């Protein structure tokens, strides 16, 4: 079977009883399922389904099979089919809107990639239109993909809608071909880009006409990188001020954004990374170069994860940093968020490295929020990604099989620090609880080949880290109490606090050690810390201690601070 006769569609119901409407059409099964899962996870729809559409050559129509369905909207009362929020294209001009170009790109994705073209170019280049019409069933397949769900949503017959689309396409093609024959489309070999933009600045069809000139300028490029180079050369022609500057730069951005939002185009410009994480890091550095550069100088984790950019990418990054290329920058940002919210692993063979790259991406995208992406969109994407980090499969891969229980706790604390969202934090806390409250951890810490004081210091460090990893108090407090109980058992067996209190050492030195135990610095808060607090309280009342403090004023402030932390101040 021809691979281009099968595709997958994602349908959604906005609310119970609403009509099914098409959200996405793609030739990738995984992408369709990822999109469906994301829509349900974000609560944007009441129900979602994924269908496999197979083209029947004899019947000349698609056969649909549902391969995934989520939501409970089927049980609601059926209502009259409703139109999609986006209006149907009815004039050739409607095809040039960003929404229409995006849909054209999805429907003809494979054909456009084979021809190294973007939807923008298809709408502005007569030669591409002729190639598409000569390709056989490509256009017919695309129309089938869109017509079936649209007809269902709007209460129309499929054939009626296909006829309407054919009429629309014929009108758009006739106009483009007619304008080309009349010589109305700019040719930058005969007229400079700057002069053409100035000449068309007040023309009612200025965007369409100048777009045809830009599409023609990049038509002979043999690869995506050459197209980007030509577009940047056109942008460089412009002085800071000029009558057609706004028109020129906004026109350039349309094909540039489509190239950067497509996987083949961006891979050619940035290079194919070893994994998704490296690709997203390169995209982030490209779209927010100044922010990443500043962060990398202060944060070693960011510097480690962010790759260097090629010459072409650096040239592009300079333009993206300006306000004139906001649309292009936003297109890259949207792609970053789509990948983050998707189901693909950032570092499939390195779970710990996945957390590191996600942390670096989180820091850079949050720092650049507002200029690159809305902060709430960034947070939503990282909440979706965090959900993947707390699944059983990921945690098992992350912890491996060779860690001690102490190492597992430290690793899970790091994991918990780097996930966001209340539900995700809570589940990460559940993994922590499972290890901290396990008999295995208690036995290992008791039998460890360390001194009792070292064991208490270890428990104190774990107790502090558990409190700092972002869990709510009702989740982290029981874990701290468990660590304190284990510390109390160790102290009861080894009599660490009692030994310090009765050691053959100056009173001030013993008091300092006891206070550090009492405040949780070298001993977990709990029974052991309480015993140290009692011993310190007894010791601080002795004349010997007071005399020692009076004789060592340099230690007075340290002891006073510890006394206040321990709650022993009068």
Foldseek 3Di string as FASTA:
>chain_A
DDLVQKKKWKWFAQDQQEFTATDAIASDPQLNVQVQVLCVVVVRGQKMWMWMWGADPVVRATDIDTPDIDHDSVPGHHDDFAADPDDDDQALVVCPDPVNQVLVCRLLVVVCVVLVHGSLLCLQPLVNVVVVVPPPCSVVSSLNVRQVRRCRRVVHDSVVVSVSVVVNVVNSSVVNVVCVVVVQADACVVPNLQVLLQVCLPPPCSLNRSSNNLSVQQNPPPHLLSNLVSLLVSLVVDDPDDSRNLSSLVSSLPRLLRLCLDPRSVCVQFNDDPFQLLSLLALLCLQQVVLLVVVVVVDVLSVVRRDDGDPSSVSSSVVNVDPSNQVSLQSSVVSSLSVLLGDGQRDVQALVVSLSSLQSVLVSCCSCDPSRHPNVSSLSSQQSNLVNCLDPVSLCSHVDDPDQLLVSLVSLLSSLLRGDDQVSNLSSLVVNCCSLPDPRNLVCLLPPPDDLLQSQQSLLVSLVSLVVSDHDCVSSVVSLASSQVSNLVSCVVVVPLVCLLPDPDQLQVSLLVLLCCLLSNRGRPHNRNVVSLVSSLVSCPDPSNVVVCVVPVVCVVVSVVSCVSNVNDD
